Protein backbone atom coordinates (compact mmCIF):
# COMPACT_ATOMS: atom_id res chain seq x y z
CA UNK A 1 99.01 48.23 45.43
CA UNK A 2 101.00 47.73 42.20
CA UNK A 3 102.13 43.90 41.61
CA UNK A 4 104.59 42.64 38.81
CA UNK A 5 102.08 40.62 37.19
CA UNK A 6 102.29 37.04 36.20
CA UNK A 7 105.69 35.96 35.13
CA UNK A 8 103.59 33.32 32.63
CA UNK A 9 102.29 36.18 30.92
CA UNK A 10 105.03 38.33 30.71
CA UNK A 11 107.41 35.47 28.76
CA UNK A 12 104.02 34.82 26.62
CA UNK A 13 104.12 38.63 25.63
CA UNK A 14 107.93 38.54 25.00
CA UNK A 15 108.19 35.33 22.61
CA UNK A 16 104.79 36.56 20.54
CA UNK A 17 106.09 40.05 20.33
CA UNK A 18 109.93 38.63 19.64
CA UNK A 19 108.41 36.48 17.00
CA UNK A 20 106.50 39.41 15.59
CA UNK A 21 109.44 41.61 15.18
CA UNK A 22 111.60 38.94 13.88
CA UNK A 23 109.00 37.77 11.19
CA UNK A 24 108.68 41.24 10.13
CA UNK A 25 112.45 42.69 9.84
CA UNK A 26 113.25 39.12 8.26
CA UNK A 27 110.66 39.80 5.69
CA UNK A 28 111.71 42.90 5.41
CA UNK A 29 115.30 42.03 4.49
CA UNK A 30 113.50 39.57 1.70
CA UNK A 31 112.29 42.36 0.24
CA UNK A 32 115.31 44.04 -0.35
CA UNK A 33 116.86 40.83 -1.40
CA UNK A 34 119.81 40.77 2.16
CA UNK A 35 118.12 37.92 3.25
CA UNK A 36 115.85 34.62 2.52
CA UNK A 37 112.91 34.31 4.24
CA UNK A 38 112.62 31.48 5.95
CA UNK A 39 111.00 30.73 9.46
CA UNK A 40 114.51 28.82 10.73
CA UNK A 41 115.86 32.18 10.30
CA UNK A 42 112.75 33.74 12.26
CA UNK A 43 112.94 31.31 15.08
CA UNK A 44 116.69 31.95 15.71
CA UNK A 45 116.04 36.05 15.31
CA UNK A 46 112.86 35.77 17.53
CA UNK A 47 115.22 33.61 19.94
CA UNK A 48 117.66 36.13 20.16
CA UNK A 49 115.76 38.81 20.23
CA UNK A 50 113.91 37.08 23.36
CA UNK A 51 116.63 36.39 25.15
CA UNK A 52 118.20 39.62 25.20
CA UNK A 53 114.64 41.19 26.05
CA UNK A 54 114.42 38.80 28.93
CA UNK A 55 118.49 40.03 29.97
CA UNK A 56 117.83 43.66 30.33
CA UNK A 57 114.33 43.49 31.94
CA UNK A 58 115.88 41.26 35.05
CA UNK A 59 118.89 43.98 35.76
């Protein structure tokens, strides 16, 4: 018997992992002087990534 799990846990995992990945990418881009690190940039990237992930999973 398989279940899909609690959607709140899946949403939380999506947000946490999106923030971690966005922070890593923005930090890396700051390291090579392509982009300046700021938490606003991380939030924008994480929001975009979380939304795209949510849309792809619903398909």
